[in-house]
């Protein structure tokens, strides 16, 4: 089992920044690819970004490229999501998720790939 706890959400004005953190416990963190997803009210959960266990590969949704950056610190069992130039359409509950890297084939941008999920953290961007 892997437990994931997100933090860092909040209310920010458009153009501002936030950094989300996701702390993991339970297994060897570097064995897991990590992803961030988000879900706005009335919408499907959507892929935001993902990072391989070694940080060599990073993937981004087109909507966040150039504005968001994913990173991880395996010594701290934590993955981060730095969000800059935030827009009102970024408003959503943000979830981190983990999948054993041995299961990953191709781009891990599908929610069904992931075995473990955090409880989510709310990000609200005002205009």
Foldseek 3Di string as FASTA:
>chain_A
DKAKAKDWADEEAAQAKTKMKIAIDDDQLLQKKKFKWWDDPPDDIWGAKIAHSVRPDIDGDPVQPPFWDWDDDSVRRMIMIIGGRDDQVVWTWMKMFIARNVQDDPDPGDPVRTDDIYPTDTHGYHD
